[in-house]
Amino acid sequence: MVLKRIEKLNIIIGILLVAVSFIIWQDSKLSLSLALGSVIGGANFWMLVKLVGKIFGDGPSKWRFGLAVVLKFLVLILVLWLVVNRFPVHMIAFLVGLSTIVLAVIISQLFSDSTIAR
């Protein structure tokens, strides 16, 4: 439930940031960089949630999912390297887009009904 809320919040935050940035600066490169960062960050979070859920679940092949997490990280590094070195992205906007998932986690926890320290 919480993870779905975080995923939805990330999409909402990404869309809002892209729309507001385009309205304010009317720079398509900046807005597309924001969108690309938000999509990559969200996809990374989604895949991490799926893999970690399988590692901590029941099953005989946990080591395969552990290896998949390592491979996911390597693919993320490769994707980030390709985007930064091969595409003309606005770096600050791209990093802000990557950070939308962090903002989604913070907002989700600020407005959740339960807290860890009760």
PDB file of N, CA and C in Angstrom:
ATOM      1  N   MET A   1       0.821  -1.200   0.000  1.00  0.00           N
ATOM      2  CA  MET A   1       0.000   0.000   0.000  1.00  0.00           C
ATOM      3  C   MET A   1       0.862   1.260   0.000  1.00  0.00           C
ATOM      4  N   VAL A   2       1.832   1.308   0.911  1.00  0.00           N
ATOM      5  CA  VAL A   2       2.707   2.478   1.004  1.00  0.00           C
ATOM      6  C   VAL A   2       3.536   2.617  -0.267  1.00  0.00           C
ATOM      7  N   LEU A   3       4.041   1.489  -0.785  1.00  0.00           N
ATOM      8  CA  LEU A   3       4.880   1.554  -1.977  1.00  0.00           C
ATOM      9  C   LEU A   3       4.091   2.018  -3.195  1.00  0.00           C
ATOM     10  N   LYS A   4       2.842   1.599  -3.306  1.00  0.00           N
ATOM     11  CA  LYS A   4       1.994   2.075  -4.410  1.00  0.00           C
ATOM     12  C   LYS A   4       1.760   3.578  -4.295  1.00  0.00           C
ATOM     13  N   ARG A   5       1.560   4.058  -3.043  1.00  0.00           N
ATOM     14  CA  ARG A   5       1.363   5.488  -2.825  1.00  0.00           C
ATOM     15  C   ARG A   5       2.616   6.263  -3.230  1.00  0.00           C
ATOM     16  N   ILE A   6       3.787   5.720  -2.911  1.00  0.00           N
ATOM     17  CA  ILE A   6       5.041   6.377  -3.288  1.00  0.00           C
ATOM     18  C   ILE A   6       5.173   6.419  -4.804  1.00  0.00           C
ATOM     19  N   GLU A   7       4.852   5.317  -5.472  1.00  0.00           N
ATOM     20  CA  GLU A   7       4.936   5.292  -6.939  1.00  0.00           C
ATOM     21  C   GLU A   7       3.997   6.316  -7.566  1.00  0.00           C
ATOM     22  N   LYS A   8       2.768   6.395  -7.054  1.00  0.00           N
ATOM     23  CA  LYS A   8       1.809   7.376  -7.585  1.00  0.00           C
ATOM     24  C   LYS A   8       2.275   8.799  -7.318  1.00  0.00           C
ATOM     25  N   LEU A   9       2.789   9.038  -6.107  1.00  0.00           N
ATOM     26  CA  LEU A   9       3.292  10.372  -5.776  1.00  0.00           C
ATOM     27  C   LEU A   9       4.454  10.764  -6.679  1.00  0.00           C
ATOM     28  N   ASN A  10       5.335   9.817  -6.989  1.00  0.00           N
ATOM     29  CA  ASN A  10       6.456  10.112  -7.870  1.00  0.00           C
ATOM     30  C   ASN A  10       5.961  10.539  -9.250  1.00  0.00           C
ATOM     31  N   ILE A  11       4.951   9.857  -9.760  1.00  0.00           N
ATOM     32  CA  ILE A  11       4.390  10.216 -11.067  1.00  0.00           C
ATOM     33  C   ILE A  11       3.764  11.609 -11.011  1.00  0.00           C
ATOM     34  N   ILE A  12       2.994  11.876  -9.960  1.00  0.00           N
ATOM     35  CA  ILE A  12       2.341  13.186  -9.815  1.00  0.00           C
ATOM     36  C   ILE A  12       3.379  14.295  -9.698  1.00  0.00           C
ATOM     37  N   ILE A  13       4.391  14.088  -8.853  1.00  0.00           N
ATOM     38  CA  ILE A  13       5.441  15.097  -8.663  1.00  0.00           C
ATOM     39  C   ILE A  13       6.185  15.330  -9.970  1.00  0.00           C
ATOM     40  N   GLY A  14       6.508  14.254 -10.689  1.00  0.00           N
ATOM     41  CA  GLY A  14       7.203  14.395 -11.966  1.00  0.00           C
ATOM     42  C   GLY A  14       6.397  15.187 -12.978  1.00  0.00           C
ATOM     43  N   ILE A  15       5.123  14.872 -13.085  1.00  0.00           N
ATOM     44  CA  ILE A  15       4.259  15.595 -14.034  1.00  0.00           C
ATOM     45  C   ILE A  15       4.143  17.066 -13.644  1.00  0.00           C
ATOM     46  N   LEU A  16       3.944  17.324 -12.355  1.00  0.00           N
ATOM     47  CA  LEU A  16       3.837  18.720 -11.899  1.00  0.00           C
ATOM     48  C   LEU A  16       5.117  19.502 -12.154  1.00  0.00           C
ATOM     49  N   LEU A  17       6.259  18.900 -11.852  1.00  0.00           N
ATOM     50  CA  LEU A  17       7.526  19.593 -12.085  1.00  0.00           C
ATOM     51  C   LEU A  17       7.756  19.888 -13.560  1.00  0.00           C
ATOM     52  N   VAL A  18       7.444  18.921 -14.409  1.00  0.00           N
ATOM     53  CA  VAL A  18       7.621  19.130 -15.853  1.00  0.00           C
ATOM     54  C   VAL A  18       6.698  20.238 -16.345  1.00  0.00           C
ATOM     55  N   ALA A  19       5.435  20.199 -15.919  1.00  0.00           N
ATOM     56  CA  ALA A  19       4.475  21.219 -16.364  1.00  0.00           C
ATOM     57  C   ALA A  19       4.872  22.613 -15.866  1.00  0.00           C
ATOM     58  N   VAL A  20       5.204  22.709 -14.593  1.00  0.00           N
ATOM     59  CA  VAL A  20       5.570  24.018 -14.018  1.00  0.00           C
ATOM     60  C   VAL A  20       6.858  24.538 -14.645  1.00  0.00           C
ATOM     61  N   SER A  21       7.833  23.650 -14.844  1.00  0.00           N
ATOM     62  CA  SER A  21       9.090  24.116 -15.440  1.00  0.00           C
ATOM     63  C   SER A  21       8.878  24.613 -16.865  1.00  0.00           C
ATOM     64  N   PHE A  22       8.012  23.939 -17.612  1.00  0.00           N
ATOM     65  CA  PHE A  22       7.769  24.387 -18.978  1.00  0.00           C
ATOM     66  C   PHE A  22       7.005  25.702 -19.002  1.00  0.00           C
ATOM     67  N   ILE A  23       6.051  25.857 -18.083  1.00  0.00           N
ATOM     68  CA  ILE A  23       5.291  27.109 -18.009  1.00  0.00           C
ATOM     69  C   ILE A  23       6.209  28.265 -17.636  1.00  0.00           C
ATOM     70  N   ILE A  24       7.092  28.040 -16.672  1.00  0.00           N
ATOM     71  CA  ILE A  24       7.962  29.125 -16.192  1.00  0.00           C
ATOM     72  C   ILE A  24       9.072  29.443 -17.190  1.00  0.00           C
ATOM     73  N   TRP A  25       9.826  28.426 -17.626  1.00  0.00           N
ATOM     74  CA  TRP A  25      11.007  28.677 -18.443  1.00  0.00           C
ATOM     75  C   TRP A  25      10.794  28.424 -19.922  1.00  0.00           C
ATOM     76  N   GLN A  26       9.757  27.727 -20.302  1.00  0.00           N
ATOM     77  CA  GLN A  26       9.453  27.399 -21.695  1.00  0.00           C
ATOM     78  C   GLN A  26      10.676  26.836 -22.429  1.00  0.00           C
ATOM     79  N   ASP A  27      11.369  25.939 -21.727  1.00  0.00           N
ATOM     80  CA  ASP A  27      12.564  25.298 -22.269  1.00  0.00           C
ATOM     81  C   ASP A  27      12.292  23.800 -22.354  1.00  0.00           C
ATOM     82  N   SER A  28      12.137  23.298 -23.565  1.00  0.00           N
ATOM     83  CA  SER A  28      11.789  21.888 -23.726  1.00  0.00           C
ATOM     84  C   SER A  28      12.924  20.970 -23.279  1.00  0.00           C
ATOM     85  N   LYS A  29      14.182  21.386 -23.464  1.00  0.00           N
ATOM     86  CA  LYS A  29      15.317  20.572 -23.015  1.00  0.00           C
ATOM     87  C   LYS A  29      15.286  20.396 -21.502  1.00  0.00           C
ATOM     88  N   LEU A  30      15.015  21.457 -20.794  1.00  0.00           N
ATOM     89  CA  LEU A  30      14.935  21.409 -19.341  1.00  0.00           C
ATOM     90  C   LEU A  30      13.781  20.518 -18.895  1.00  0.00           C
ATOM     91  N   SER A  31      12.630  20.694 -19.489  1.00  0.00           N
ATOM     92  CA  SER A  31      11.454  19.908 -19.114  1.00  0.00           C
ATOM     93  C   SER A  31      11.620  18.431 -19.451  1.00  0.00           C
ATOM     94  N   LEU A  32      12.186  18.130 -20.606  1.00  0.00           N
ATOM     95  CA  LEU A  32      12.415  16.728 -20.978  1.00  0.00           C
ATOM     96  C   LEU A  32      13.474  16.086 -20.082  1.00  0.00           C
ATOM     97  N   SER A  33      14.467  16.852 -19.661  1.00  0.00           N
ATOM     98  CA  SER A  33      15.478  16.329 -18.744  1.00  0.00           C
ATOM     99  C   SER A  33      14.857  15.994 -17.393  1.00  0.00           C
ATOM    100  N   LEU A  34      13.968  16.866 -16.930  1.00  0.00           N
ATOM    101  CA  LEU A  34      13.233  16.583 -15.693  1.00  0.00           C
ATOM    102  C   LEU A  34      12.415  15.305 -15.830  1.00  0.00           C
ATOM    103  N   ALA A  35      11.709  15.187 -16.920  1.00  0.00           N
ATOM    104  CA  ALA A  35      10.863  14.015 -17.152  1.00  0.00           C
ATOM    105  C   ALA A  35      11.703  12.738 -17.231  1.00  0.00           C
ATOM    106  N   LEU A  36      12.810  12.795 -17.954  1.00  0.00           N
ATOM    107  CA  LEU A  36      13.673  11.632 -18.099  1.00  0.00           C
ATOM    108  C   LEU A  36      14.237  11.197 -16.747  1.00  0.00           C
ATOM    109  N   GLY A  37      14.693  12.149 -15.954  1.00  0.00           N
ATOM    110  CA  GLY A  37      15.207  11.822 -14.627  1.00  0.00           C
ATOM    111  C   GLY A  37      14.143  11.206 -13.741  1.00  0.00           C
ATOM    112  N   SER A  38      12.945  11.747 -13.792  1.00  0.00           N
ATOM    113  CA  SER A  38      11.850  11.230 -12.979  1.00  0.00           C
ATOM    114  C   SER A  38      11.466   9.813 -13.398  1.00  0.00           C
ATOM    115  N   VAL A  39      11.455   9.555 -14.691  1.00  0.00           N
ATOM    116  CA  VAL A  39      11.118   8.221 -15.190  1.00  0.00           C
ATOM    117  C   VAL A  39      12.200   7.209 -14.788  1.00  0.00           C
ATOM    118  N   ILE A  40      13.456   7.572 -14.938  1.00  0.00           N
ATOM    119  CA  ILE A  40      14.545   6.659 -14.576  1.00  0.00           C
ATOM    120  C   ILE A  40      14.539   6.388 -13.070  1.00  0.00           C
ATOM    121  N   GLY A  41      14.376   7.431 -12.263  1.00  0.00           N
ATOM    122  CA  GLY A  41      14.319   7.247 -10.811  1.00  0.00           C
ATOM    123  C   GLY A  41      13.138   6.394 -10.387  1.00  0.00           C
ATOM    124  N   GLY A  42      11.986   6.634 -10.985  1.00  0.00           N
ATOM    125  CA  GLY A  42      10.793   5.846 -10.665  1.00  0.00           C
ATOM    126  C   GLY A  42      10.923   4.401 -11.100  1.00  0.00           C
ATOM    127  N   ALA A  43      11.481   4.173 -12.286  1.00  0.00           N
ATOM    128  CA  ALA A  43      11.668   2.806 -12.774  1.00  0.00           C
ATOM    129  C   ALA A  43      12.668   2.053 -11.898  1.00  0.00           C
ATOM    130  N   ASN A  44      13.714   2.741 -11.460  1.00  0.00           N
ATOM    131  CA  ASN A  44      14.697   2.125 -10.576  1.00  0.00           C
ATOM    132  C   ASN A  44      14.051   1.735  -9.246  1.00  0.00           C
ATOM    133  N   PHE A  45      13.246   2.617  -8.684  1.00  0.00           N
ATOM    134  CA  PHE A  45      12.558   2.329  -7.423  1.00  0.00           C
ATOM    135  C   PHE A  45      11.606   1.149  -7.594  1.00  0.00           C
ATOM    136  N   TRP A  46      10.837   1.142  -8.671  1.00  0.00           N
ATOM    137  CA  TRP A  46       9.875   0.064  -8.914  1.00  0.00           C
ATOM    138  C   TRP A  46      10.588  -1.286  -9.011  1.00  0.00           C
ATOM    139  N   MET A  47      11.685  -1.318  -9.766  1.00  0.00           N
ATOM    140  CA  MET A  47      12.419  -2.580  -9.927  1.00  0.00           C
ATOM    141  C   MET A  47      13.055  -3.004  -8.605  1.00  0.00           C
ATOM    142  N   LEU A  48      13.575  -2.068  -7.859  1.00  0.00           N
ATOM    143  CA  LEU A  48      14.171  -2.390  -6.563  1.00  0.00           C
ATOM    144  C   LEU A  48      13.135  -2.972  -5.606  1.00  0.00           C
ATOM    145  N   VAL A  49      11.940  -2.398  -5.585  1.00  0.00           N
ATOM    146  CA  VAL A  49      10.861  -2.912  -4.732  1.00  0.00           C
ATOM    147  C   VAL A  49      10.518  -4.350  -5.129  1.00  0.00           C
ATOM    148  N   LYS A  50      10.409  -4.606  -6.413  1.00  0.00           N
ATOM    149  CA  LYS A  50      10.077  -5.960  -6.877  1.00  0.00           C
ATOM    150  C   LYS A  50      11.162  -6.961  -6.484  1.00  0.00           C
ATOM    151  N   LEU A  51      12.408  -6.597  -6.685  1.00  0.00           N
ATOM    152  CA  LEU A  51      13.506  -7.519  -6.394  1.00  0.00           C
ATOM    153  C   LEU A  51      13.699  -7.749  -4.899  1.00  0.00           C
ATOM    154  N   VAL A  52      13.646  -6.701  -4.117  1.00  0.00           N
ATOM    155  CA  VAL A  52      13.832  -6.847  -2.674  1.00  0.00           C
ATOM    156  C   VAL A  52      12.684  -7.648  -2.074  1.00  0.00           C
ATOM    157  N   GLY A  53      11.482  -7.464  -2.580  1.00  0.00           N
ATOM    158  CA  GLY A  53      10.356  -8.262  -2.118  1.00  0.00           C
ATOM    159  C   GLY A  53      10.575  -9.748  -2.346  1.00  0.00           C
ATOM    160  N   LYS A  54      11.202 -10.098  -3.449  1.00  0.00           N
ATOM    161  CA  LYS A  54      11.473 -11.510  -3.730  1.00  0.00           C
ATOM    162  C   LYS A  54      12.627 -12.047  -2.900  1.00  0.00           C
ATOM    163  N   ILE A  55      13.592 -11.210  -2.590  1.00  0.00           N
ATOM    164  CA  ILE A  55      14.713 -11.652  -1.753  1.00  0.00           C
ATOM    165  C   ILE A  55      14.225 -12.007  -0.354  1.00  0.00           C
ATOM    166  N   PHE A  56      13.353 -11.173   0.210  1.00  0.00           N
ATOM    167  CA  PHE A  56      12.883 -11.402   1.571  1.00  0.00           C
ATOM    168  C   PHE A  56      11.669 -12.321   1.636  1.00  0.00           C
ATOM    169  N   GLY A  57      11.160 -12.738   0.496  1.00  0.00           N
ATOM    170  CA  GLY A  57      10.043 -13.680   0.480  1.00  0.00           C
ATOM    171  C   GLY A  57      10.538 -15.112   0.613  1.00  0.00           C
ATOM    172  N   ASP A  58       9.610 -16.033   0.580  1.00  0.00           N
ATOM    173  CA  ASP A  58       9.972 -17.448   0.649  1.00  0.00           C
ATOM    174  C   ASP A  58      10.372 -17.931  -0.735  1.00  0.00           C
ATOM    175  N   GLY A  59      11.358 -18.762  -0.770  1.00  0.00           N
ATOM    176  CA  GLY A  59      11.783 -19.325  -2.036  1.00  0.00           C
ATOM    177  C   GLY A  59      13.203 -19.841  -1.948  1.00  0.00           C
ATOM    178  N   PRO A  60      13.501 -20.849  -2.749  1.00  0.00           N
ATOM    179  CA  PRO A  60      14.826 -21.461  -2.665  1.00  0.00           C
ATOM    180  C   PRO A  60      15.925 -20.694  -3.394  1.00  0.00           C
ATOM    181  N   SER A  61      15.567 -19.765  -4.243  1.00  0.00           N
ATOM    182  CA  SER A  61      16.585 -19.130  -5.093  1.00  0.00           C
ATOM    183  C   SER A  61      16.773 -17.651  -4.757  1.00  0.00           C
ATOM    184  N   LYS A  62      16.973 -17.346  -3.477  1.00  0.00           N
ATOM    185  CA  LYS A  62      17.172 -15.955  -3.069  1.00  0.00           C
ATOM    186  C   LYS A  62      18.468 -15.374  -3.641  1.00  0.00           C
ATOM    187  N   TRP A  63      19.464 -16.199  -3.825  1.00  0.00           N
ATOM    188  CA  TRP A  63      20.735 -15.700  -4.338  1.00  0.00           C
ATOM    189  C   TRP A  63      20.579 -15.154  -5.750  1.00  0.00           C
ATOM    190  N   ARG A  64      19.658 -15.740  -6.530  1.00  0.00           N
ATOM    191  CA  ARG A  64      19.430 -15.226  -7.889  1.00  0.00           C
ATOM    192  C   ARG A  64      18.854 -13.822  -7.852  1.00  0.00           C
ATOM    193  N   PHE A  65      17.951 -13.577  -6.899  1.00  0.00           N
ATOM    194  CA  PHE A  65      17.370 -12.242  -6.796  1.00  0.00           C
ATOM    195  C   PHE A  65      18.403 -11.250  -6.263  1.00  0.00           C
ATOM    196  N   GLY A  66      19.281 -11.725  -5.381  1.00  0.00           N
ATOM    197  CA  GLY A  66      20.380 -10.879  -4.918  1.00  0.00           C
ATOM    198  C   GLY A  66      21.283 -10.481  -6.075  1.00  0.00           C
ATOM    199  N   LEU A  67      21.587 -11.429  -6.941  1.00  0.00           N
ATOM    200  CA  LEU A  67      22.375 -11.152  -8.136  1.00  0.00           C
ATOM    201  C   LEU A  67      21.627 -10.192  -9.060  1.00  0.00           C
ATOM    202  N   ALA A  68      20.309 -10.362  -9.139  1.00  0.00           N
ATOM    203  CA  ALA A  68      19.502  -9.467  -9.979  1.00  0.00           C
ATOM    204  C   ALA A  68      19.560  -8.027  -9.464  1.00  0.00           C
ATOM    205  N   VAL A  69      19.613  -7.843  -8.144  1.00  0.00           N
ATOM    206  CA  VAL A  69      19.733  -6.495  -7.582  1.00  0.00           C
ATOM    207  C   VAL A  69      21.062  -5.872  -7.996  1.00  0.00           C
ATOM    208  N   VAL A  70      22.128  -6.659  -7.941  1.00  0.00           N
ATOM    209  CA  VAL A  70      23.442  -6.162  -8.363  1.00  0.00           C
ATOM    210  C   VAL A  70      23.409  -5.804  -9.850  1.00  0.00           C
ATOM    211  N   LEU A  71      22.818  -6.660 -10.664  1.00  0.00           N
ATOM    212  CA  LEU A  71      22.720  -6.380 -12.099  1.00  0.00           C
ATOM    213  C   LEU A  71      21.857  -5.153 -12.373  1.00  0.00           C
ATOM    214  N   LYS A  72      20.775  -4.985 -11.597  1.00  0.00           N
ATOM    215  CA  LYS A  72      19.925  -3.808 -11.742  1.00  0.00           C
ATOM    216  C   LYS A  72      20.728  -2.542 -11.475  1.00  0.00           C
ATOM    217  N   PHE A  73      21.572  -2.592 -10.446  1.00  0.00           N
ATOM    218  CA  PHE A  73      22.412  -1.442 -10.122  1.00  0.00           C
ATOM    219  C   PHE A  73      23.383  -1.137 -11.259  1.00  0.00           C
ATOM    220  N   LEU A  74      23.989  -2.169 -11.814  1.00  0.00           N
ATOM    221  CA  LEU A  74      24.922  -1.964 -12.924  1.00  0.00           C
ATOM    222  C   LEU A  74      24.212  -1.394 -14.151  1.00  0.00           C
ATOM    223  N   VAL A  75      22.998  -1.876 -14.417  1.00  0.00           N
ATOM    224  CA  VAL A  75      22.216  -1.334 -15.537  1.00  0.00           C
ATOM    225  C   VAL A  75      21.869   0.129 -15.274  1.00  0.00           C
ATOM    226  N   LEU A  76      21.513   0.456 -14.026  1.00  0.00           N
ATOM    227  CA  LEU A  76      21.227   1.856 -13.680  1.00  0.00           C
ATOM    228  C   LEU A  76      22.441   2.743 -13.939  1.00  0.00           C
ATOM    229  N   ILE A  77      23.611   2.297 -13.499  1.00  0.00           N
ATOM    230  CA  ILE A  77      24.836   3.080 -13.724  1.00  0.00           C
ATOM    231  C   ILE A  77      25.089   3.246 -15.221  1.00  0.00           C
ATOM    232  N   LEU A  78      24.886   2.189 -15.999  1.00  0.00           N
ATOM    233  CA  LEU A  78      25.074   2.265 -17.450  1.00  0.00           C
ATOM    234  C   LEU A  78      24.092   3.248 -18.081  1.00  0.00           C
ATOM    235  N   VAL A  79      22.832   3.171 -17.687  1.00  0.00           N
ATOM    236  CA  VAL A  79      21.812   4.082 -18.228  1.00  0.00           C
ATOM    237  C   VAL A  79      22.157   5.524 -17.886  1.00  0.00           C
ATOM    238  N   LEU A  80      22.534   5.773 -16.627  1.00  0.00           N
ATOM    239  CA  LEU A  80      22.904   7.133 -16.222  1.00  0.00           C
ATOM    240  C   LEU A  80      24.114   7.625 -17.007  1.00  0.00           C
ATOM    241  N   TRP A  81      25.104   6.771 -17.207  1.00  0.00           N
ATOM    242  CA  TRP A  81      26.287   7.156 -17.965  1.00  0.00           C
ATOM    243  C   TRP A  81      25.908   7.491 -19.404  1.00  0.00           C
ATOM    244  N   LEU A  82      25.061   6.644 -20.009  1.00  0.00           N
ATOM    245  CA  LEU A  82      24.645   6.896 -21.390  1.00  0.00           C
ATOM    246  C   LEU A  82      23.874   8.207 -21.517  1.00  0.00           C
ATOM    247  N   VAL A  83      22.968   8.453 -20.592  1.00  0.00           N
ATOM    248  CA  VAL A  83      22.179   9.687 -20.650  1.00  0.00           C
ATOM    249  C   VAL A  83      23.085  10.902 -20.510  1.00  0.00           C
ATOM    250  N   VAL A  84      23.982  10.856 -19.546  1.00  0.00           N
ATOM    251  CA  VAL A  84      24.843  12.014 -19.285  1.00  0.00           C
ATOM    252  C   VAL A  84      25.840  12.244 -20.421  1.00  0.00           C
ATOM    253  N   ASN A  85      26.385  11.169 -20.978  1.00  0.00           N
ATOM    254  CA  ASN A  85      27.440  11.322 -21.984  1.00  0.00           C
ATOM    255  C   ASN A  85      26.958  11.333 -23.428  1.00  0.00           C
ATOM    256  N   ARG A  86      25.768  10.833 -23.692  1.00  0.00           N
ATOM    257  CA  ARG A  86      25.331  10.709 -25.082  1.00  0.00           C
ATOM    258  C   ARG A  86      24.156  11.608 -25.460  1.00  0.00           C
ATOM    259  N   PHE A  87      23.448  12.126 -24.476  1.00  0.00           N
ATOM    260  CA  PHE A  87      22.282  12.951 -24.768  1.00  0.00           C
ATOM    261  C   PHE A  87      22.474  14.358 -24.214  1.00  0.00           C
ATOM    262  N   PRO A  88      21.953  15.346 -24.916  1.00  0.00           N
ATOM    263  CA  PRO A  88      22.111  16.729 -24.449  1.00  0.00           C
ATOM    264  C   PRO A  88      21.081  17.082 -23.376  1.00  0.00           C
ATOM    265  N   VAL A  89      21.263  16.542 -22.171  1.00  0.00           N
ATOM    266  CA  VAL A  89      20.325  16.810 -21.087  1.00  0.00           C
ATOM    267  C   VAL A  89      20.786  18.010 -20.272  1.00  0.00           C
ATOM    268  N   HIS A  90      19.827  18.666 -19.677  1.00  0.00           N
ATOM    269  CA  HIS A  90      20.106  19.739 -18.727  1.00  0.00           C
ATOM    270  C   HIS A  90      20.421  19.035 -17.405  1.00  0.00           C
ATOM    271  N   MET A  91      21.661  19.095 -16.952  1.00  0.00           N
ATOM    272  CA  MET A  91      22.121  18.268 -15.832  1.00  0.00           C
ATOM    273  C   MET A  91      21.383  18.542 -14.522  1.00  0.00           C
ATOM    274  N   ILE A  92      21.170  19.795 -14.192  1.00  0.00           N
ATOM    275  CA  ILE A  92      20.483  20.113 -12.939  1.00  0.00           C
ATOM    276  C   ILE A  92      19.044  19.583 -12.986  1.00  0.00           C
ATOM    277  N   ALA A  93      18.372  19.807 -14.098  1.00  0.00           N
ATOM    278  CA  ALA A  93      16.995  19.328 -14.242  1.00  0.00           C
ATOM    279  C   ALA A  93      16.951  17.800 -14.198  1.00  0.00           C
ATOM    280  N   PHE A  94      17.914  17.146 -14.811  1.00  0.00           N
ATOM    281  CA  PHE A  94      17.970  15.691 -14.800  1.00  0.00           C
ATOM    282  C   PHE A  94      18.148  15.168 -13.367  1.00  0.00           C
ATOM    283  N   LEU A  95      19.034  15.790 -12.605  1.00  0.00           N
ATOM    284  CA  LEU A  95      19.243  15.383 -11.209  1.00  0.00           C
ATOM    285  C   LEU A  95      18.020  15.657 -10.346  1.00  0.00           C
ATOM    286  N   VAL A  96      17.348  16.768 -10.596  1.00  0.00           N
ATOM    287  CA  VAL A  96      16.111  17.052  -9.866  1.00  0.00           C
ATOM    288  C   VAL A  96      15.071  15.985 -10.205  1.00  0.00           C
ATOM    289  N   GLY A  97      14.983  15.607 -11.471  1.00  0.00           N
ATOM    290  CA  GLY A  97      14.061  14.555 -11.877  1.00  0.00           C
ATOM    291  C   GLY A  97      14.376  13.226 -11.208  1.00  0.00           C
ATOM    292  N   LEU A  98      15.656  12.884 -11.124  1.00  0.00           N
ATOM    293  CA  LEU A  98      16.046  11.654 -10.432  1.00  0.00           C
ATOM    294  C   LEU A  98      15.645  11.701  -8.962  1.00  0.00           C
ATOM    295  N   SER A  99      15.613  12.876  -8.392  1.00  0.00           N
ATOM    296  CA  SER A  99      15.332  13.036  -6.960  1.00  0.00           C
ATOM    297  C   SER A  99      13.846  13.056  -6.630  1.00  0.00           C
ATOM    298  N   THR A 100      12.983  13.019  -7.617  1.00  0.00           N
ATOM    299  CA  THR A 100      11.547  13.075  -7.313  1.00  0.00           C
ATOM    300  C   THR A 100      11.100  11.879  -6.485  1.00  0.00           C
ATOM    301  N   ILE A 101      11.762  10.744  -6.641  1.00  0.00           N
ATOM    302  CA  ILE A 101      11.386   9.565  -5.860  1.00  0.00           C
ATOM    303  C   ILE A 101      11.686   9.793  -4.382  1.00  0.00           C
ATOM    304  N   VAL A 102      12.766  10.496  -4.084  1.00  0.00           N
ATOM    305  CA  VAL A 102      13.092  10.816  -2.686  1.00  0.00           C
ATOM    306  C   VAL A 102      12.026  11.734  -2.105  1.00  0.00           C
ATOM    307  N   LEU A 103      11.624  12.722  -2.860  1.00  0.00           N
ATOM    308  CA  LEU A 103      10.565  13.633  -2.426  1.00  0.00           C
ATOM    309  C   LEU A 103       9.254  12.884  -2.217  1.00  0.00           C
ATOM    310  N   ALA A 104       8.960  11.935  -3.091  1.00  0.00           N
ATOM    311  CA  ALA A 104       7.740  11.129  -2.952  1.00  0.00           C
ATOM    312  C   ALA A 104       7.770  10.296  -1.671  1.00  0.00           C
ATOM    313  N   VAL A 105       8.918   9.728  -1.343  1.00  0.00           N
ATOM    314  CA  VAL A 105       9.048   8.945  -0.104  1.00  0.00           C
ATOM    315  C   VAL A 105       8.843   9.844   1.113  1.00  0.00           C
ATOM    316  N   ILE A 106       9.464  11.018   1.104  1.00  0.00           N
ATOM    317  CA  ILE A 106       9.337  11.943   2.235  1.00  0.00           C
ATOM    318  C   ILE A 106       7.889  12.388   2.413  1.00  0.00           C
ATOM    319  N   ILE A 107       7.244  12.791   1.344  1.00  0.00           N
ATOM    320  CA  ILE A 107       5.849  13.244   1.432  1.00  0.00           C
ATOM    321  C   ILE A 107       4.947  12.103   1.879  1.00  0.00           C
ATOM    322  N   SER A 108       5.184  10.921   1.357  1.00  0.00           N
ATOM    323  CA  SER A 108       4.373   9.768   1.745  1.00  0.00           C
ATOM    324  C   SER A 108       4.486   9.493   3.242  1.00  0.00           C
ATOM    325  N   GLN A 109       5.671   9.609   3.787  1.00  0.00           N
ATOM    326  CA  GLN A 109       5.856   9.342   5.213  1.00  0.00           C
ATOM    327  C   GLN A 109       5.353  10.490   6.083  1.00  0.00           C
ATOM    328  N   LEU A 110       5.441  11.704   5.609  1.00  0.00           N
ATOM    329  CA  LEU A 110       4.927  12.842   6.381  1.00  0.00           C
ATOM    330  C   LEU A 110       3.421  12.769   6.555  1.00  0.00           C
ATOM    331  N   PHE A 111       2.736  12.250   5.550  1.00  0.00           N
ATOM    332  CA  PHE A 111       1.282  12.214   5.591  1.00  0.00           C
ATOM    333  C   PHE A 111       0.717  10.812   5.824  1.00  0.00           C
ATOM    334  N   SER A 112       1.569   9.888   6.301  1.00  0.00           N
ATOM    335  CA  SER A 112       1.050   8.539   6.574  1.00  0.00           C
ATOM    336  C   SER A 112       0.386   8.513   7.947  1.00  0.00           C
ATOM    337  N   ASP A 113      -0.513   7.559   8.125  1.00  0.00           N
ATOM    338  CA  ASP A 113      -1.257   7.433   9.382  1.00  0.00           C
ATOM    339  C   ASP A 113      -0.399   6.843  10.491  1.00  0.00           C
ATOM    340  N   SER A 114       0.552   6.017  10.140  1.00  0.00           N
ATOM    341  CA  SER A 114       1.379   5.391  11.163  1.00  0.00           C
ATOM    342  C   SER A 114       2.800   5.932  11.105  1.00  0.00           C
ATOM    343  N   THR A 115       3.417   5.999  12.245  1.00  0.00           N
ATOM    344  CA  THR A 115       4.816   6.426  12.303  1.00  0.00           C
ATOM    345  C   THR A 115       5.617   5.328  12.988  1.00  0.00           C
ATOM    346  N   ILE A 116       6.893   5.316  12.734  1.00  0.00           N
ATOM    347  CA  ILE A 116       7.770   4.293  13.304  1.00  0.00           C
ATOM    348  C   ILE A 116       7.959   4.523  14.790  1.00  0.00           C
ATOM    349  N   ALA A 117       8.185   5.748  15.195  1.00  0.00           N
ATOM    350  CA  ALA A 117       8.497   6.044  16.600  1.00  0.00           C
ATOM    351  C   ALA A 117       7.225   6.432  17.351  1.00  0.00           C
ATOM    352  N   ARG A 118       6.501   5.462  17.837  1.00  0.00           N
ATOM    353  CA  ARG A 118       5.298   5.728  18.627  1.00  0.00           C
ATOM    354  C   ARG A 118       5.538   5.399  20.041  1.00  0.00           C
TER     355      ARG A 118
END
